[in-house]
Amino acid sequence: MNYPIADFLNRIRNAGSARNFDVCLQHSNIIESIAKILYHEGYISSYSVSNEKLKSITIRLKYINNIHIITGIR
């Protein structure tokens, strides 16, 4: 994976388009920081980090009237 931030944002957008509620990704400090910002700005409902040997981060997407909050990425 060459562009982890782009991959992270695309996975969130694609999961929203598919009407999924959760997205699970490999953990990194930068991804966790971006998830924290998205949470505080109201773009996602929550996020959690697993404390297993291979860390992962789970993002809970936010919908209003069955429409995903994040509609596009620029």
PDB file of N, CA and C in Angstrom:
ATOM      1  N   MET A   1       0.860  -1.166   0.000  1.00  0.00           N
ATOM      2  CA  MET A   1       0.000   0.000   0.000  1.00  0.00           C
ATOM      3  C   MET A   1       0.906   1.228   0.000  1.00  0.00           C
ATOM      4  N   ASN A   2       0.841   2.013  -1.045  1.00  0.00           N
ATOM      5  CA  ASN A   2       1.701   3.177  -1.176  1.00  0.00           C
ATOM      6  C   ASN A   2       1.096   4.437  -0.576  1.00  0.00           C
ATOM      7  N   TYR A   3      -0.200   4.554  -0.619  1.00  0.00           N
ATOM      8  CA  TYR A   3      -0.884   5.764  -0.163  1.00  0.00           C
ATOM      9  C   TYR A   3      -1.922   5.402   0.893  1.00  0.00           C
ATOM     10  N   PRO A   4      -1.517   5.249   2.149  1.00  0.00           N
ATOM     11  CA  PRO A   4      -2.460   4.776   3.179  1.00  0.00           C
ATOM     12  C   PRO A   4      -3.597   5.758   3.457  1.00  0.00           C
ATOM     13  N   ILE A   5      -3.342   7.054   3.346  1.00  0.00           N
ATOM     14  CA  ILE A   5      -4.400   8.032   3.614  1.00  0.00           C
ATOM     15  C   ILE A   5      -5.455   7.984   2.510  1.00  0.00           C
ATOM     16  N   ALA A   6      -5.024   7.910   1.266  1.00  0.00           N
ATOM     17  CA  ALA A   6      -5.965   7.806   0.148  1.00  0.00           C
ATOM     18  C   ALA A   6      -6.764   6.511   0.241  1.00  0.00           C
ATOM     19  N   ASP A   7      -6.100   5.417   0.603  1.00  0.00           N
ATOM     20  CA  ASP A   7      -6.790   4.136   0.766  1.00  0.00           C
ATOM     21  C   ASP A   7      -7.830   4.223   1.877  1.00  0.00           C
ATOM     22  N   PHE A   8      -7.478   4.848   2.986  1.00  0.00           N
ATOM     23  CA  PHE A   8      -8.388   5.027   4.116  1.00  0.00           C
ATOM     24  C   PHE A   8      -9.637   5.797   3.700  1.00  0.00           C
ATOM     25  N   LEU A   9      -9.448   6.923   3.029  1.00  0.00           N
ATOM     26  CA  LEU A   9     -10.579   7.751   2.613  1.00  0.00           C
ATOM     27  C   LEU A   9     -11.434   7.059   1.563  1.00  0.00           C
ATOM     28  N   ASN A  10     -10.814   6.346   0.638  1.00  0.00           N
ATOM     29  CA  ASN A  10     -11.578   5.617  -0.374  1.00  0.00           C
ATOM     30  C   ASN A  10     -12.379   4.477   0.236  1.00  0.00           C
ATOM     31  N   ARG A  11     -11.821   3.798   1.220  1.00  0.00           N
ATOM     32  CA  ARG A  11     -12.573   2.725   1.877  1.00  0.00           C
ATOM     33  C   ARG A  11     -13.792   3.276   2.608  1.00  0.00           C
ATOM     34  N   ILE A  12     -13.647   4.428   3.232  1.00  0.00           N
ATOM     35  CA  ILE A  12     -14.795   5.053   3.905  1.00  0.00           C
ATOM     36  C   ILE A  12     -15.857   5.440   2.880  1.00  0.00           C
ATOM     37  N   ARG A  13     -15.439   6.055   1.785  1.00  0.00           N
ATOM     38  CA  ARG A  13     -16.389   6.464   0.746  1.00  0.00           C
ATOM     39  C   ARG A  13     -17.086   5.250   0.135  1.00  0.00           C
ATOM     40  N   ASN A  14     -16.339   4.202  -0.182  1.00  0.00           N
ATOM     41  CA  ASN A  14     -16.928   3.008  -0.787  1.00  0.00           C
ATOM     42  C   ASN A  14     -17.868   2.291   0.170  1.00  0.00           C
ATOM     43  N   ALA A  15     -17.511   2.231   1.439  1.00  0.00           N
ATOM     44  CA  ALA A  15     -18.389   1.599   2.426  1.00  0.00           C
ATOM     45  C   ALA A  15     -19.687   2.380   2.575  1.00  0.00           C
ATOM     46  N   GLY A  16     -19.601   3.703   2.508  1.00  0.00           N
ATOM     47  CA  GLY A  16     -20.809   4.519   2.572  1.00  0.00           C
ATOM     48  C   GLY A  16     -21.693   4.317   1.363  1.00  0.00           C
ATOM     49  N   SER A  17     -21.086   4.188   0.198  1.00  0.00           N
ATOM     50  CA  SER A  17     -21.857   3.940  -1.025  1.00  0.00           C
ATOM     51  C   SER A  17     -22.542   2.580  -0.981  1.00  0.00           C
ATOM     52  N   ALA A  18     -21.902   1.611  -0.335  1.00  0.00           N
ATOM     53  CA  ALA A  18     -22.465   0.267  -0.223  1.00  0.00           C
ATOM     54  C   ALA A  18     -23.402   0.139   0.983  1.00  0.00           C
ATOM     55  N   ARG A  19     -23.592   1.219   1.730  1.00  0.00           N
ATOM     56  CA  ARG A  19     -24.447   1.271   2.915  1.00  0.00           C
ATOM     57  C   ARG A  19     -23.962   0.343   4.036  1.00  0.00           C
ATOM     58  N   ASN A  20     -22.656   0.174   4.148  1.00  0.00           N
ATOM     59  CA  ASN A  20     -22.079  -0.577   5.267  1.00  0.00           C
ATOM     60  C   ASN A  20     -22.018   0.332   6.483  1.00  0.00           C
ATOM     61  N   PHE A  21     -22.078  -0.271   7.658  1.00  0.00           N
ATOM     62  CA  PHE A  21     -22.038   0.513   8.880  1.00  0.00           C
ATOM     63  C   PHE A  21     -20.633   0.629   9.456  1.00  0.00           C
ATOM     64  N   ASP A  22     -19.784  -0.371   9.199  1.00  0.00           N
ATOM     65  CA  ASP A  22     -18.440  -0.387   9.762  1.00  0.00           C
ATOM     66  C   ASP A  22     -17.396  -0.589   8.681  1.00  0.00           C
ATOM     67  N   VAL A  23     -16.218  -0.027   8.915  1.00  0.00           N
ATOM     68  CA  VAL A  23     -15.058  -0.237   8.059  1.00  0.00           C
ATOM     69  C   VAL A  23     -13.912  -0.633   8.977  1.00  0.00           C
ATOM     70  N   CYS A  24     -13.229  -1.726   8.659  1.00  0.00           N
ATOM     71  CA  CYS A  24     -12.104  -2.190   9.457  1.00  0.00           C
ATOM     72  C   CYS A  24     -10.827  -2.036   8.632  1.00  0.00           C
ATOM     73  N   LEU A  25      -9.820  -1.392   9.228  1.00  0.00           N
ATOM     74  CA  LEU A  25      -8.564  -1.106   8.545  1.00  0.00           C
ATOM     75  C   LEU A  25      -7.384  -1.470   9.422  1.00  0.00           C
ATOM     76  N   GLN A  26      -6.228  -1.622   8.784  1.00  0.00           N
ATOM     77  CA  GLN A  26      -5.005  -1.826   9.535  1.00  0.00           C
ATOM     78  C   GLN A  26      -4.655  -0.525  10.257  1.00  0.00           C
ATOM     79  N   HIS A  27      -4.233  -0.627  11.488  1.00  0.00           N
ATOM     80  CA  HIS A  27      -3.969   0.546  12.315  1.00  0.00           C
ATOM     81  C   HIS A  27      -2.641   1.205  11.969  1.00  0.00           C
ATOM     82  N   SER A  28      -2.639   2.517  11.991  1.00  0.00           N
ATOM     83  CA  SER A  28      -1.417   3.319  11.995  1.00  0.00           C
ATOM     84  C   SER A  28      -1.747   4.588  12.778  1.00  0.00           C
ATOM     85  N   ASN A  29      -0.727   5.242  13.259  1.00  0.00           N
ATOM     86  CA  ASN A  29      -0.966   6.452  14.060  1.00  0.00           C
ATOM     87  C   ASN A  29      -1.622   7.555  13.236  1.00  0.00           C
ATOM     88  N   ILE A  30      -1.232   7.696  11.972  1.00  0.00           N
ATOM     89  CA  ILE A  30      -1.813   8.749  11.124  1.00  0.00           C
ATOM     90  C   ILE A  30      -3.287   8.454  10.832  1.00  0.00           C
ATOM     91  N   ILE A  31      -3.626   7.190  10.595  1.00  0.00           N
ATOM     92  CA  ILE A  31      -5.027   6.815  10.340  1.00  0.00           C
ATOM     93  C   ILE A  31      -5.861   7.065  11.594  1.00  0.00           C
ATOM     94  N   GLU A  32      -5.319   6.741  12.757  1.00  0.00           N
ATOM     95  CA  GLU A  32      -6.041   6.999  14.000  1.00  0.00           C
ATOM     96  C   GLU A  32      -6.241   8.498  14.214  1.00  0.00           C
ATOM     97  N   SER A  33      -5.243   9.294  13.894  1.00  0.00           N
ATOM     98  CA  SER A  33      -5.371  10.752  14.037  1.00  0.00           C
ATOM     99  C   SER A  33      -6.432  11.316  13.101  1.00  0.00           C
ATOM    100  N   ILE A  34      -6.474  10.831  11.870  1.00  0.00           N
ATOM    101  CA  ILE A  34      -7.492  11.293  10.916  1.00  0.00           C
ATOM    102  C   ILE A  34      -8.879  10.859  11.372  1.00  0.00           C
ATOM    103  N   ALA A  35      -8.997   9.628  11.876  1.00  0.00           N
ATOM    104  CA  ALA A  35     -10.286   9.148  12.385  1.00  0.00           C
ATOM    105  C   ALA A  35     -10.749  10.006  13.559  1.00  0.00           C
ATOM    106  N   LYS A  36      -9.828  10.400  14.403  1.00  0.00           N
ATOM    107  CA  LYS A  36     -10.171  11.261  15.542  1.00  0.00           C
ATOM    108  C   LYS A  36     -10.706  12.608  15.063  1.00  0.00           C
ATOM    109  N   ILE A  37     -10.070  13.177  14.044  1.00  0.00           N
ATOM    110  CA  ILE A  37     -10.531  14.452  13.483  1.00  0.00           C
ATOM    111  C   ILE A  37     -11.906  14.285  12.845  1.00  0.00           C
ATOM    112  N   LEU A  38     -12.095  13.212  12.055  1.00  0.00           N
ATOM    113  CA  LEU A  38     -13.393  12.970  11.424  1.00  0.00           C
ATOM    114  C   LEU A  38     -14.490  12.789  12.471  1.00  0.00           C
ATOM    115  N   TYR A  39     -14.164  12.149  13.583  1.00  0.00           N
ATOM    116  CA  TYR A  39     -15.137  11.975  14.661  1.00  0.00           C
ATOM    117  C   TYR A  39     -15.508  13.319  15.296  1.00  0.00           C
ATOM    118  N   HIS A  40     -14.520  14.121  15.614  1.00  0.00           N
ATOM    119  CA  HIS A  40     -14.785  15.414  16.260  1.00  0.00           C
ATOM    120  C   HIS A  40     -15.491  16.395  15.327  1.00  0.00           C
ATOM    121  N   GLU A  41     -15.292  16.259  14.029  1.00  0.00           N
ATOM    122  CA  GLU A  41     -15.976  17.122  13.066  1.00  0.00           C
ATOM    123  C   GLU A  41     -17.366  16.599  12.697  1.00  0.00           C
ATOM    124  N   GLY A  42     -17.725  15.399  13.154  1.00  0.00           N
ATOM    125  CA  GLY A  42     -19.068  14.868  12.937  1.00  0.00           C
ATOM    126  C   GLY A  42     -19.248  14.061  11.662  1.00  0.00           C
ATOM    127  N   TYR A  43     -18.168  13.607  11.039  1.00  0.00           N
ATOM    128  CA  TYR A  43     -18.280  12.845   9.795  1.00  0.00           C
ATOM    129  C   TYR A  43     -18.435  11.348  10.016  1.00  0.00           C
ATOM    130  N   ILE A  44     -18.033  10.840  11.183  1.00  0.00           N
ATOM    131  CA  ILE A  44     -18.218   9.435  11.523  1.00  0.00           C
ATOM    132  C   ILE A  44     -18.837   9.354  12.913  1.00  0.00           C
ATOM    133  N   SER A  45     -19.511   8.242  13.186  1.00  0.00           N
ATOM    134  CA  SER A  45     -20.172   8.076  14.485  1.00  0.00           C
ATOM    135  C   SER A  45     -19.187   7.734  15.591  1.00  0.00           C
ATOM    136  N   SER A  46     -18.235   6.839  15.295  1.00  0.00           N
ATOM    137  CA  SER A  46     -17.255   6.446  16.296  1.00  0.00           C
ATOM    138  C   SER A  46     -16.105   5.714  15.629  1.00  0.00           C
ATOM    139  N   TYR A  47     -15.063   5.478  16.410  1.00  0.00           N
ATOM    140  CA  TYR A  47     -13.948   4.646  15.961  1.00  0.00           C
ATOM    141  C   TYR A  47     -13.377   3.945  17.178  1.00  0.00           C
ATOM    142  N   SER A  48     -12.798   2.786  16.963  1.00  0.00           N
ATOM    143  CA  SER A  48     -12.177   2.049  18.056  1.00  0.00           C
ATOM    144  C   SER A  48     -10.936   1.334  17.539  1.00  0.00           C
ATOM    145  N   VAL A  49      -9.975   1.153  18.422  1.00  0.00           N
ATOM    146  CA  VAL A  49      -8.716   0.497  18.091  1.00  0.00           C
ATOM    147  C   VAL A  49      -8.654  -0.801  18.869  1.00  0.00           C
ATOM    148  N   SER A  50      -8.382  -1.910  18.161  1.00  0.00           N
ATOM    149  CA  SER A  50      -8.240  -3.197  18.838  1.00  0.00           C
ATOM    150  C   SER A  50      -6.859  -3.278  19.464  1.00  0.00           C
ATOM    151  N   ASN A  51      -6.759  -3.955  20.568  1.00  0.00           N
ATOM    152  CA  ASN A  51      -5.482  -4.093  21.279  1.00  0.00           C
ATOM    153  C   ASN A  51      -4.884  -5.477  21.097  1.00  0.00           C
ATOM    154  N   GLU A  52      -5.119  -6.066  19.943  1.00  0.00           N
ATOM    155  CA  GLU A  52      -4.563  -7.383  19.658  1.00  0.00           C
ATOM    156  C   GLU A  52      -3.129  -7.238  19.161  1.00  0.00           C
ATOM    157  N   LYS A  53      -2.506  -8.377  18.843  1.00  0.00           N
ATOM    158  CA  LYS A  53      -1.127  -8.353  18.355  1.00  0.00           C
ATOM    159  C   LYS A  53      -1.018  -7.542  17.069  1.00  0.00           C
ATOM    160  N   LEU A  54      -1.909  -7.780  16.132  1.00  0.00           N
ATOM    161  CA  LEU A  54      -1.968  -7.003  14.889  1.00  0.00           C
ATOM    162  C   LEU A  54      -3.107  -6.002  15.047  1.00  0.00           C
ATOM    163  N   LYS A  55      -2.772  -4.758  15.346  1.00  0.00           N
ATOM    164  CA  LYS A  55      -3.780  -3.733  15.632  1.00  0.00           C
ATOM    165  C   LYS A  55      -4.612  -3.425  14.398  1.00  0.00           C
ATOM    166  N   SER A  56      -5.878  -3.131  14.648  1.00  0.00           N
ATOM    167  CA  SER A  56      -6.771  -2.674  13.584  1.00  0.00           C
ATOM    168  C   SER A  56      -7.634  -1.555  14.156  1.00  0.00           C
ATOM    169  N   ILE A  57      -8.199  -0.785  13.260  1.00  0.00           N
ATOM    170  CA  ILE A  57      -9.084   0.309  13.662  1.00  0.00           C
ATOM    171  C   ILE A  57     -10.423   0.100  12.956  1.00  0.00           C
ATOM    172  N   THR A  58     -11.503   0.217  13.710  1.00  0.00           N
ATOM    173  CA  THR A  58     -12.845   0.054  13.169  1.00  0.00           C
ATOM    174  C   THR A  58     -13.548   1.402  13.210  1.00  0.00           C
ATOM    175  N   ILE A  59     -14.058   1.814  12.064  1.00  0.00           N
ATOM    176  CA  ILE A  59     -14.754   3.087  11.912  1.00  0.00           C
ATOM    177  C   ILE A  59     -16.244   2.808  11.762  1.00  0.00           C
ATOM    178  N   ARG A  60     -17.067   3.449  12.579  1.00  0.00           N
ATOM    179  CA  ARG A  60     -18.526   3.348  12.438  1.00  0.00           C
ATOM    180  C   ARG A  60     -18.986   4.568  11.651  1.00  0.00           C
ATOM    181  N   LEU A  61     -19.603   4.314  10.481  1.00  0.00           N
ATOM    182  CA  LEU A  61     -20.023   5.393   9.591  1.00  0.00           C
ATOM    183  C   LEU A  61     -21.291   6.065  10.097  1.00  0.00           C
ATOM    184  N   LYS A  62     -21.506   7.280   9.660  1.00  0.00           N
ATOM    185  CA  LYS A  62     -22.654   8.079  10.095  1.00  0.00           C
ATOM    186  C   LYS A  62     -23.568   8.320   8.889  1.00  0.00           C
ATOM    187  N   TYR A  63     -24.858   8.114   9.106  1.00  0.00           N
ATOM    188  CA  TYR A  63     -25.872   8.329   8.068  1.00  0.00           C
ATOM    189  C   TYR A  63     -26.940   9.276   8.599  1.00  0.00           C
ATOM    190  N   ILE A  64     -27.472  10.107   7.727  1.00  0.00           N
ATOM    191  CA  ILE A  64     -28.619  10.946   8.042  1.00  0.00           C
ATOM    192  C   ILE A  64     -29.664  10.683   6.962  1.00  0.00           C
ATOM    193  N   ASN A  65     -30.846  10.266   7.389  1.00  0.00           N
ATOM    194  CA  ASN A  65     -31.933   9.907   6.464  1.00  0.00           C
ATOM    195  C   ASN A  65     -31.462   8.894   5.432  1.00  0.00           C
ATOM    196  N   ASN A  66     -30.710   7.882   5.891  1.00  0.00           N
ATOM    197  CA  ASN A  66     -30.206   6.801   5.042  1.00  0.00           C
ATOM    198  C   ASN A  66     -29.214   7.271   3.976  1.00  0.00           C
ATOM    199  N   ILE A  67     -28.639   8.445   4.136  1.00  0.00           N
ATOM    200  CA  ILE A  67     -27.634   8.965   3.201  1.00  0.00           C
ATOM    201  C   ILE A  67     -26.336   9.149   3.976  1.00  0.00           C
ATOM    202  N   HIS A  68     -25.271   8.620   3.419  1.00  0.00           N
ATOM    203  CA  HIS A  68     -23.962   8.713   4.065  1.00  0.00           C
ATOM    204  C   HIS A  68     -23.507  10.165   4.114  1.00  0.00           C
ATOM    205  N   ILE A  69     -22.914  10.566   5.217  1.00  0.00           N
ATOM    206  CA  ILE A  69     -22.461  11.953   5.411  1.00  0.00           C
ATOM    207  C   ILE A  69     -21.401  12.344   4.380  1.00  0.00           C
ATOM    208  N   ILE A  70     -20.440  11.455   4.141  1.00  0.00           N
ATOM    209  CA  ILE A  70     -19.360  11.737   3.208  1.00  0.00           C
ATOM    210  C   ILE A  70     -19.811  11.318   1.810  1.00  0.00           C
ATOM    211  N   THR A  71     -20.081  12.290   0.957  1.00  0.00           N
ATOM    212  CA  THR A  71     -20.582  11.983  -0.379  1.00  0.00           C
ATOM    213  C   THR A  71     -19.495  12.040  -1.445  1.00  0.00           C
ATOM    214  N   GLY A  72     -18.415  12.730  -1.186  1.00  0.00           N
ATOM    215  CA  GLY A  72     -17.337  12.831  -2.166  1.00  0.00           C
ATOM    216  C   GLY A  72     -16.041  13.182  -1.479  1.00  0.00           C
ATOM    217  N   ILE A  73     -14.952  12.948  -2.202  1.00  0.00           N
ATOM    218  CA  ILE A  73     -13.625  13.247  -1.669  1.00  0.00           C
ATOM    219  C   ILE A  73     -12.905  14.085  -2.699  1.00  0.00           C
ATOM    220  N   ARG A  74     -12.305  15.182  -2.259  1.00  0.00           N
ATOM    221  CA  ARG A  74     -11.541  16.032  -3.172  1.00  0.00           C
ATOM    222  C   ARG A  74     -10.150  16.237  -2.636  1.00  0.00           C
TER     223      ARG A  74
END
